[in-house]
Every structure is written in C-alpha cells, then in structure tokens.
N, C-alpha and C. Protein backbone atom coordinates (compact mmCIF):
# COMPACT_ATOMS: atom_id res chain seq x y z
N MET A 1 -33.47 12.81 56.53
CA MET A 1 -33.02 13.20 57.52
C MET A 1 -31.61 13.51 57.22
N PRO A 2 -30.73 14.95 57.55
CA PRO A 2 -29.47 14.91 57.43
C PRO A 2 -28.67 14.39 59.04
N ALA A 3 -27.62 13.90 58.99
CA ALA A 3 -26.36 14.08 59.51
C ALA A 3 -26.65 14.88 60.68
N PRO A 4 -26.29 14.76 62.10
CA PRO A 4 -26.57 15.97 62.90
C PRO A 4 -24.64 16.48 62.76
N SER A 5 -25.05 17.54 62.91
CA SER A 5 -23.36 18.67 63.23
C SER A 5 -22.69 18.26 64.32
N PRO A 6 -21.27 18.16 63.92
CA PRO A 6 -20.32 17.54 64.64
C PRO A 6 -20.33 17.80 66.02
N LEU A 7 -20.51 19.47 66.33
CA LEU A 7 -20.90 19.98 67.62
C LEU A 7 -22.10 19.29 68.28
N SER A 8 -22.95 19.09 67.44
CA SER A 8 -24.02 18.64 68.41
C SER A 8 -23.83 17.31 68.47
N VAL A 9 -23.08 16.43 68.11
CA VAL A 9 -22.99 14.84 68.21
C VAL A 9 -22.03 15.12 69.29
N GLY A 10 -20.78 15.95 69.51
CA GLY A 10 -20.17 15.92 70.59
C GLY A 10 -20.38 16.15 72.11
N ILE A 11 -21.58 17.21 71.88
CA ILE A 11 -22.33 17.76 72.75
C ILE A 11 -23.33 17.02 73.52
N SER A 12 -24.14 15.98 72.78
CA SER A 12 -25.02 15.52 73.51
C SER A 12 -24.44 14.06 73.39
N GLY A 13 -23.85 13.41 72.82
CA GLY A 13 -23.07 11.95 72.35
C GLY A 13 -24.19 10.99 71.47
N VAL A 14 -24.49 11.36 70.54
CA VAL A 14 -25.86 10.66 69.98
C VAL A 14 -24.50 10.43 68.59
N CYS A 15 -25.60 9.61 67.93
CA CYS A 15 -24.93 8.64 66.18
C CYS A 15 -24.67 9.99 65.50
N PRO A 16 -23.32 9.86 64.53
CA PRO A 16 -23.27 10.47 64.43
C PRO A 16 -24.06 10.26 62.69
N ARG A 17 -24.89 9.65 62.37
CA ARG A 17 -25.59 8.96 61.53
C ARG A 17 -27.02 9.56 61.50
N CYS A 18 -27.18 9.06 62.55
CA CYS A 18 -29.16 8.98 62.51
C CYS A 18 -29.40 10.27 63.70
N GLY A 19 -28.22 9.99 64.76
CA GLY A 19 -28.50 11.80 66.08
C GLY A 19 -29.84 11.16 66.62
N ARG A 20 -29.80 9.72 66.77
CA ARG A 20 -30.60 9.65 67.86
C ARG A 20 -29.87 8.30 68.51
N GLY A 21 -29.04 7.50 68.11
CA GLY A 21 -29.07 6.21 68.76
C GLY A 21 -27.14 6.99 70.04
N LYS A 22 -27.27 6.46 71.51
CA LYS A 22 -26.05 6.87 72.00
C LYS A 22 -25.13 6.39 72.01
N ILE A 23 -23.47 6.94 71.68
CA ILE A 23 -22.81 6.22 71.34
C ILE A 23 -21.63 5.99 72.32
N PHE A 24 -21.75 6.32 73.38
CA PHE A 24 -21.09 5.48 74.34
C PHE A 24 -22.23 4.95 75.35
N VAL A 25 -20.57 3.83 76.01
CA VAL A 25 -21.66 2.85 76.77
C VAL A 25 -20.89 3.43 77.88
N ALA A 26 -19.84 4.13 78.37
CA ALA A 26 -19.51 4.33 79.92
C ALA A 26 -18.93 5.76 79.44
N PHE A 27 -17.92 6.37 80.60
CA PHE A 27 -17.75 8.07 80.22
C PHE A 27 -17.09 8.60 78.94
N LEU A 28 -15.62 7.18 78.82
CA LEU A 28 -15.32 7.83 77.19
C LEU A 28 -15.52 6.22 76.27
N THR A 29 -15.79 5.57 76.54
CA THR A 29 -16.29 4.39 76.07
C THR A 29 -17.09 4.29 75.36
N LEU A 30 -16.77 4.25 73.32
CA LEU A 30 -17.52 3.87 72.25
C LEU A 30 -18.56 2.59 72.43
N ARG A 31 -19.88 2.63 72.22
CA ARG A 31 -20.20 1.27 72.09
C ARG A 31 -19.37 0.88 70.80
N ASP A 32 -19.87 -0.43 70.60
CA ASP A 32 -19.64 -1.09 69.30
C ASP A 32 -20.88 -1.05 67.75
N ALA A 33 -21.80 -0.58 67.93
CA ALA A 33 -22.85 0.08 67.26
C ALA A 33 -23.64 1.22 67.57
N CYS A 34 -23.86 1.40 66.92
CA CYS A 34 -25.27 2.46 67.51
C CYS A 34 -26.74 1.66 67.37
N PRO A 35 -27.62 1.73 68.88
CA PRO A 35 -28.62 0.87 68.70
C PRO A 35 -29.95 1.48 68.23
N ALA A 36 -29.35 2.37 67.50
CA ALA A 36 -30.85 3.17 66.86
C ALA A 36 -30.81 2.30 65.08
N CYS A 37 -29.44 3.21 64.68
CA CYS A 37 -29.18 2.46 63.69
C CYS A 37 -28.44 1.47 62.80
N GLY A 38 -27.57 1.01 63.82
CA GLY A 38 -26.94 0.03 63.58
C GLY A 38 -25.62 0.38 62.90
N LEU A 39 -24.98 1.56 62.87
CA LEU A 39 -24.05 2.19 62.20
C LEU A 39 -22.62 1.72 63.49
N ASP A 40 -21.87 0.40 62.80
CA ASP A 40 -20.51 0.36 63.51
C ASP A 40 -19.86 1.26 63.60
N LEU A 41 -19.61 1.76 64.97
CA LEU A 41 -18.52 2.32 65.62
C LEU A 41 -17.27 1.62 65.85
N ARG A 42 -16.82 0.50 65.51
CA ARG A 42 -15.83 -0.28 66.04
C ARG A 42 -14.76 0.67 65.09
N GLY A 43 -14.92 1.34 64.33
CA GLY A 43 -13.97 1.73 63.50
C GLY A 43 -13.36 2.92 64.26
N HIS A 44 -14.44 3.40 64.41
CA HIS A 44 -14.02 5.37 64.98
C HIS A 44 -13.51 5.30 66.14
N ASP A 45 -12.28 5.42 66.14
CA ASP A 45 -11.49 5.80 67.37
C ASP A 45 -10.80 6.95 67.09
N ALA A 46 -10.99 7.72 68.20
CA ALA A 46 -10.28 9.20 68.42
C ALA A 46 -9.40 9.41 69.03
N GLY A 47 -8.54 8.15 69.21
CA GLY A 47 -7.10 8.00 70.04
C GLY A 47 -6.84 8.91 70.90
N ASP A 48 -5.50 9.68 70.76
CA ASP A 48 -5.47 10.62 71.98
C ASP A 48 -5.67 11.79 71.80
N GLY A 49 -6.43 11.77 70.27
CA GLY A 49 -7.10 13.35 69.95
C GLY A 49 -7.78 14.20 70.98
N PRO A 50 -8.58 13.66 72.06
CA PRO A 50 -9.02 14.33 72.67
C PRO A 50 -8.05 14.95 73.72
N ALA A 51 -7.77 14.13 74.40
CA ALA A 51 -6.45 14.64 75.24
C ALA A 51 -5.55 15.41 74.93
N VAL A 52 -5.33 15.46 73.97
CA VAL A 52 -3.68 16.10 73.22
C VAL A 52 -4.49 17.70 73.43
N PHE A 53 -5.58 17.76 72.63
CA PHE A 53 -6.42 19.66 72.74
C PHE A 53 -7.02 19.33 74.12
N VAL A 54 -7.43 18.76 74.94
CA VAL A 54 -7.50 19.35 76.50
C VAL A 54 -6.20 19.58 77.03
N ILE A 55 -5.23 19.06 76.94
CA ILE A 55 -4.00 19.23 77.63
C ILE A 55 -3.27 20.95 77.42
N LEU A 56 -3.31 20.87 75.71
CA LEU A 56 -2.90 21.93 75.55
C LEU A 56 -3.74 23.14 75.66
N GLY A 57 -4.89 23.08 75.98
CA GLY A 57 -6.18 23.84 76.02
C GLY A 57 -5.99 24.21 77.60
N ILE A 58 -6.25 23.91 78.24
CA ILE A 58 -6.54 23.50 79.33
C ILE A 58 -5.31 24.07 80.40
N GLY A 59 -4.10 23.46 79.65
CA GLY A 59 -2.81 24.02 80.25
C GLY A 59 -2.76 25.27 79.92
N ALA A 60 -2.70 25.97 78.57
CA ALA A 60 -2.99 27.33 78.63
C ALA A 60 -3.65 28.42 79.09
N LEU A 61 -4.48 27.58 79.71
CA LEU A 61 -5.68 28.69 80.53
C LEU A 61 -5.02 28.67 82.41
N ILE A 62 -4.58 27.44 82.58
CA ILE A 62 -4.50 27.26 84.08
C ILE A 62 -3.30 27.91 84.33
N LEU A 63 -1.77 27.69 83.57
CA LEU A 63 -0.65 28.49 83.88
C LEU A 63 -0.65 29.52 84.13
N PRO A 64 -1.36 30.37 83.10
CA PRO A 64 -1.17 31.72 83.22
C PRO A 64 -1.89 32.41 84.73
N MET A 65 -3.02 31.49 84.60
CA MET A 65 -4.09 31.83 86.00
C MET A 65 -3.09 31.28 87.75
N ALA A 66 -1.98 30.42 87.55
CA ALA A 66 -1.66 29.99 88.48
C ALA A 66 -0.33 30.66 88.45
N LEU A 67 0.15 30.99 87.68
CA LEU A 67 1.37 32.34 87.78
C LEU A 67 0.87 33.89 88.51
N PHE A 68 -0.59 34.12 87.77
CA PHE A 68 -0.79 35.57 88.30
C PHE A 68 -1.14 34.80 90.05
N VAL A 69 -1.89 34.12 90.63
CA VAL A 69 -2.41 34.29 91.69
C VAL A 69 -0.86 33.81 92.35
N GLU A 70 0.17 33.17 91.99
CA GLU A 70 1.23 32.91 92.83
C GLU A 70 2.26 34.37 93.07
N PHE A 71 2.29 34.87 91.95
CA PHE A 71 2.78 36.69 92.09
C PHE A 71 2.54 37.55 92.73
N ARG A 72 0.87 37.56 92.58
CA ARG A 72 -0.10 38.70 92.84
C ARG A 72 -0.27 38.69 94.42
N PHE A 73 -0.58 37.27 94.56
CA PHE A 73 -0.60 37.06 96.44
C PHE A 73 0.54 36.26 97.20
N GLU A 74 1.00 35.37 96.48
CA GLU A 74 1.89 34.51 97.06
C GLU A 74 1.35 33.83 97.83
N PRO A 75 0.54 32.64 97.83
CA PRO A 75 -0.08 32.00 98.54
C PRO A 75 0.92 30.79 99.06
N ALA A 76 0.61 30.29 100.09
CA ALA A 76 1.41 29.05 100.35
C ALA A 76 1.06 27.83 99.25
N LEU A 77 1.79 26.91 99.38
CA LEU A 77 1.88 25.72 98.52
C LEU A 77 0.97 24.99 98.55
N TRP A 78 0.34 24.74 99.98
CA TRP A 78 -0.90 24.14 99.98
C TRP A 78 -2.22 24.74 99.43
N VAL A 79 -1.87 26.15 99.16
CA VAL A 79 -3.39 26.66 98.59
C VAL A 79 -3.54 26.44 97.24
N HIS A 80 -2.26 26.39 96.66
CA HIS A 80 -2.12 25.93 94.52
C HIS A 80 -2.38 24.62 94.95
N VAL A 81 -2.31 23.67 95.71
CA VAL A 81 -2.95 22.27 95.58
C VAL A 81 -4.37 22.09 95.39
N VAL A 82 -4.82 23.14 96.92
CA VAL A 82 -6.27 23.45 96.79
C VAL A 82 -7.27 23.83 95.61
N LEU A 83 -6.51 24.73 95.36
CA LEU A 83 -7.30 25.31 94.20
C LEU A 83 -6.52 25.04 92.92
N TRP A 84 -6.02 24.38 92.18
CA TRP A 84 -5.79 24.28 90.92
C TRP A 84 -5.59 22.59 90.97
N ILE A 85 -5.18 21.86 91.61
CA ILE A 85 -6.10 20.50 91.02
C ILE A 85 -7.25 20.15 91.08
N PRO A 86 -8.58 20.83 91.84
CA PRO A 86 -9.95 20.53 91.46
C PRO A 86 -10.14 21.06 90.16
N ILE A 87 -9.60 21.91 90.46
CA ILE A 87 -10.03 23.27 88.84
C ILE A 87 -9.36 22.58 87.84
N THR A 88 -8.55 21.80 87.54
CA THR A 88 -8.11 21.24 86.82
C THR A 88 -8.31 19.72 86.21
N LEU A 89 -9.12 19.57 87.11
CA LEU A 89 -9.78 17.86 87.04
C LEU A 89 -11.44 18.42 86.04
N VAL A 90 -11.73 18.94 87.26
CA VAL A 90 -12.94 19.82 86.61
C VAL A 90 -12.99 20.47 84.97
N LEU A 91 -12.21 21.22 85.02
CA LEU A 91 -11.62 21.28 83.52
C LEU A 91 -11.37 20.58 82.53
N THR A 92 -10.27 19.29 82.73
CA THR A 92 -10.61 18.51 81.72
C THR A 92 -11.27 17.31 81.74
N MET A 93 -12.22 17.08 82.57
CA MET A 93 -12.72 15.76 82.56
C MET A 93 -14.78 16.13 81.55
N VAL A 94 -14.67 17.52 81.94
CA VAL A 94 -15.80 17.86 81.12
C VAL A 94 -15.63 18.07 79.44
N PRO A 95 -14.59 18.74 78.85
CA PRO A 95 -14.33 18.65 77.06
C PRO A 95 -14.06 17.37 76.86
N LEU A 96 -13.43 16.16 77.52
CA LEU A 96 -13.18 14.82 76.99
C LEU A 96 -13.75 14.65 76.18
N ARG A 97 -15.00 14.21 76.81
CA ARG A 97 -15.96 13.58 76.03
C ARG A 97 -17.03 14.54 74.76
N VAL A 98 -16.60 15.63 75.32
CA VAL A 98 -17.43 16.32 74.06
C VAL A 98 -16.06 16.34 72.84
N ILE A 99 -15.27 16.70 73.24
CA ILE A 99 -14.21 16.05 71.81
C ILE A 99 -14.13 15.38 71.37
N LYS A 100 -14.54 13.84 72.05
CA LYS A 100 -13.88 12.71 71.65
C LYS A 100 -15.02 12.66 70.54
N GLY A 101 -16.45 12.97 71.18
CA GLY A 101 -17.62 12.63 69.61
C GLY A 101 -17.45 14.08 68.42
N ILE A 102 -16.97 14.88 69.10
CA ILE A 102 -16.69 15.51 68.03
C ILE A 102 -15.81 14.79 66.50
N LEU A 103 -14.86 14.38 67.29
CA LEU A 103 -13.63 13.50 66.47
C LEU A 103 -14.56 12.47 65.68
N VAL A 104 -15.14 11.78 66.32
CA VAL A 104 -16.40 10.76 66.16
C VAL A 104 -16.63 11.07 64.87
N ALA A 105 -17.65 12.19 65.01
CA ALA A 105 -18.13 12.40 64.10
C ALA A 105 -17.58 12.89 62.95
N GLN A 106 -16.43 13.51 62.80
CA GLN A 106 -15.34 13.94 61.76
C GLN A 106 -15.07 12.84 61.08
N GLN A 107 -14.82 12.05 61.79
CA GLN A 107 -14.42 10.63 60.92
C GLN A 107 -14.95 10.26 60.15
N PHE A 108 -16.26 9.90 61.11
CA PHE A 108 -17.31 9.33 60.02
C PHE A 108 -17.92 10.50 58.92
N ARG A 109 -17.99 12.32 59.19
CA ARG A 109 -18.13 12.76 57.52
C ARG A 109 -17.18 12.95 56.63
N HIS A 110 -15.93 12.37 57.22
CA HIS A 110 -15.11 12.50 56.02
C HIS A 110 -14.78 11.12 55.48
N ARG A 111 -15.42 10.27 56.06
CA ARG A 111 -14.92 8.69 55.85
C ARG A 111 -13.73 8.47 55.97
N SER A 112 -13.12 8.09 57.21
CA SER A 112 -12.07 8.07 58.01
C SER A 112 -11.78 6.59 57.86
N THR A 113 -12.94 6.22 57.76
CA THR A 113 -13.14 4.59 58.61
C THR A 113 -13.92 3.40 57.34
N ALA A 114 -13.85 2.49 57.54
CA ALA A 114 -14.78 2.01 56.62
C ALA A 114 -16.42 1.90 56.70
N LEU A 115 -16.87 2.20 55.74
CA LEU A 115 -18.24 2.52 55.68
C LEU A 115 -19.11 0.74 55.63
N ASP A 116 -20.17 0.75 56.55
CA ASP A 116 -20.85 -0.41 56.39
C ASP A 116 -22.25 -0.12 56.27
N ASP A 117 -22.61 0.64 54.95
CA ASP A 117 -23.69 1.32 54.65
C ASP A 117 -23.39 1.03 53.40
N GLY A 118 -22.61 0.74 52.58
CA GLY A 118 -22.02 0.14 50.81
C GLY A 118 -21.96 1.79 50.21
N THR A 119 -21.78 2.78 51.19
CA THR A 119 -21.38 3.70 50.00
C THR A 119 -20.40 4.21 49.92
C-alpha cells in the first residue's frame, strides 16, 4: 500500500507511512509513535513552520479586509474588535493542524529525520 499524500495526512491527521493511525494526541501535539504501524514520530517536528505559514497567509487576507471595512464604512473601533478577532481566531486555528500534518508528512517523505524501519 503506498504512503498517503501529504495533503491527505494533513487533512485527516493520519500516519504518513501507513495512513491508518492518528498522529495527533491533542490539537497540535504529535504522538510519540503511530498506534497502527509503530512509526516513531518523535523526530518529526514541524517547529514554527505552521505558525509562520498561517501568520503570513491569514495576515495577507485579514489586513486588506479590515482596511476595506475601515475606509468604506468607517465603523467604531469596537466593531473592528468584535468582527476581526473571532474571524482571525477561526481562520488561524483551522489550518494550523492541517499544515502541521502536511509538514510532518513532508519530513517523512523526504527523509529529514532518522528512519526506524532500516531503509
């Protein structure tokens, strides 16, 4: 059985080798090993990569929208707070886990960590 694609690993949160075991024990915390195939996940760490992608991507979306609302409608400051804080929180939390899963799958695919299967 071929390894799942990095995108499917990111979306479903499954093991990048077998595609069956879940790799997350909490929202963004990786398991030590895949429960299905035993792949050691301790060396697979995305670091700050997901946060960087999310900050740059969401910032590039939110800033123009906030500026548009400000210059077009000139709302009170509290409207910006009520509008943009929840939108920003939702838009940042959703892709963090997906991007972390994709980066872990890329690390596995490109062998940037020590292998435990002898290959």
